[in-house]
Amino acid sequence: MLLEQERAADETREFLSQSGLKAKFVAEQIRIDRQSLSKFMNHRLALSQNQLFALQNFMSDYRRRNNL
């Protein structure tokens, strides 16, 4: 479980870098606190399964719509 969270955090950091989106915007889109997303990306907080699912869906949809 923790390994899944770590991979997702690294993927999120890479996604933000590739897409040029701000963490604040992504956090708003998936309805979590910006601080929580930041802590998640720095491996200091684990997201709930629902939050992780929402984040992964957002990134997947964004990549598909923008050919990333």
C-alpha atoms as a PDB file:
ATOM      1  CA  MET A   1       0.000   0.000   0.000  1.00  0.00           C
ATOM      2  CA  LEU A   2       2.717   2.477   0.902  1.00  0.00           C
ATOM      3  CA  LEU A   3       4.622   1.601  -2.244  1.00  0.00           C
ATOM      4  CA  GLU A   4       1.511   2.407  -4.294  1.00  0.00           C
ATOM      5  CA  GLN A   5       1.245   5.798  -2.546  1.00  0.00           C
ATOM      6  CA  GLU A   6       4.936   6.564  -3.133  1.00  0.00           C
ATOM      7  CA  ARG A   7       4.657   5.725  -6.825  1.00  0.00           C
ATOM      8  CA  ALA A   8       1.528   7.842  -7.130  1.00  0.00           C
ATOM      9  CA  ALA A   9       3.248  10.766  -5.392  1.00  0.00           C
ATOM     10  CA  ASP A  10       6.200  10.562  -7.784  1.00  0.00           C
ATOM     11  CA  GLU A  11       3.823  10.274 -10.741  1.00  0.00           C
ATOM     12  CA  THR A  12       1.938  13.349  -9.509  1.00  0.00           C
ATOM     13  CA  ARG A  13       5.137  15.390  -9.290  1.00  0.00           C
ATOM     14  CA  GLU A  14       6.079  14.318 -12.816  1.00  0.00           C
ATOM     15  CA  PHE A  15       2.555  15.095 -14.055  1.00  0.00           C
ATOM     16  CA  LEU A  16       2.693  18.636 -12.653  1.00  0.00           C
ATOM     17  CA  SER A  17       6.067  19.189 -14.272  1.00  0.00           C
ATOM     18  CA  GLN A  18       4.931  17.881 -17.676  1.00  0.00           C
ATOM     19  CA  SER A  19       1.549  19.574 -17.715  1.00  0.00           C
ATOM     20  CA  GLY A  20       2.571  22.917 -16.245  1.00  0.00           C
ATOM     21  CA  LEU A  21      -0.429  22.811 -13.916  1.00  0.00           C
ATOM     22  CA  LYS A  22      -0.179  24.131 -10.374  1.00  0.00           C
ATOM     23  CA  ALA A  23      -0.695  21.870  -7.362  1.00  0.00           C
ATOM     24  CA  LYS A  24      -3.339  24.274  -6.075  1.00  0.00           C
ATOM     25  CA  PHE A  25      -5.407  23.838  -9.238  1.00  0.00           C
ATOM     26  CA  VAL A  26      -5.147  20.038  -9.160  1.00  0.00           C
ATOM     27  CA  ALA A  27      -6.055  19.962  -5.466  1.00  0.00           C
ATOM     28  CA  GLU A  28      -9.139  22.070  -6.164  1.00  0.00           C
ATOM     29  CA  GLN A  29     -10.175  19.788  -9.005  1.00  0.00           C
ATOM     30  CA  ILE A  30     -10.051  16.692  -6.817  1.00  0.00           C
ATOM     31  CA  ARG A  31     -11.422  18.537  -3.767  1.00  0.00           C
ATOM     32  CA  ILE A  32      -8.555  18.168  -1.346  1.00  0.00           C
ATOM     33  CA  ASP A  33      -6.548  20.740   0.557  1.00  0.00           C
ATOM     34  CA  ARG A  34      -3.468  22.056  -1.273  1.00  0.00           C
ATOM     35  CA  GLN A  35      -1.365  21.386   1.832  1.00  0.00           C
ATOM     36  CA  SER A  36      -2.469  17.757   1.822  1.00  0.00           C
ATOM     37  CA  LEU A  37      -1.489  17.353  -1.820  1.00  0.00           C
ATOM     38  CA  SER A  38       1.890  18.937  -1.114  1.00  0.00           C
ATOM     39  CA  LYS A  39       2.513  16.638   1.852  1.00  0.00           C
ATOM     40  CA  PHE A  40       1.451  13.668  -0.271  1.00  0.00           C
ATOM     41  CA  MET A  41       3.901  14.563  -3.031  1.00  0.00           C
ATOM     42  CA  ASN A  42       6.672  14.874  -0.416  1.00  0.00           C
ATOM     43  CA  HIS A  43       5.868  11.410   1.023  1.00  0.00           C
ATOM     44  CA  ARG A  44       4.663  12.865   4.317  1.00  0.00           C
ATOM     45  CA  LEU A  45       0.949  12.034   4.013  1.00  0.00           C
ATOM     46  CA  ALA A  46      -1.019   9.159   2.540  1.00  0.00           C
ATOM     47  CA  LEU A  47      -4.202   9.944   0.647  1.00  0.00           C
ATOM     48  CA  SER A  48      -7.380   7.982   1.198  1.00  0.00           C
ATOM     49  CA  GLN A  49      -8.250   5.473  -1.497  1.00  0.00           C
ATOM     50  CA  ASN A  50     -11.011   7.789  -2.750  1.00  0.00           C
ATOM     51  CA  GLN A  51      -8.618  10.750  -2.948  1.00  0.00           C
ATOM     52  CA  LEU A  52      -5.977   8.665  -4.694  1.00  0.00           C
ATOM     53  CA  PHE A  53      -8.555   7.355  -7.158  1.00  0.00           C
ATOM     54  CA  ALA A  54      -9.760  10.908  -7.900  1.00  0.00           C
ATOM     55  CA  LEU A  55      -6.189  12.119  -8.423  1.00  0.00           C
ATOM     56  CA  GLN A  56      -5.294   9.260 -10.736  1.00  0.00           C
ATOM     57  CA  ASN A  57      -8.500   9.740 -12.737  1.00  0.00           C
ATOM     58  CA  PHE A  58      -7.868  13.473 -13.067  1.00  0.00           C
ATOM     59  CA  MET A  59      -4.304  12.921 -14.319  1.00  0.00           C
ATOM     60  CA  SER A  60      -5.403  10.189 -16.721  1.00  0.00           C
ATOM     61  CA  ASP A  61      -8.245  12.285 -18.144  1.00  0.00           C
ATOM     62  CA  TYR A  62      -6.020  15.355 -18.472  1.00  0.00           C
ATOM     63  CA  ARG A  63      -3.313  13.391 -20.285  1.00  0.00           C
ATOM     64  CA  ARG A  64      -5.857  11.849 -22.640  1.00  0.00           C
ATOM     65  CA  ARG A  65      -7.513  15.194 -23.447  1.00  0.00           C
ATOM     66  CA  ASN A  66      -4.196  16.992 -23.949  1.00  0.00           C
ATOM     67  CA  ASN A  67      -2.200  14.216 -25.647  1.00  0.00           C
ATOM     68  CA  LEU A  68       0.485  14.067 -22.940  1.00  0.00           C
END
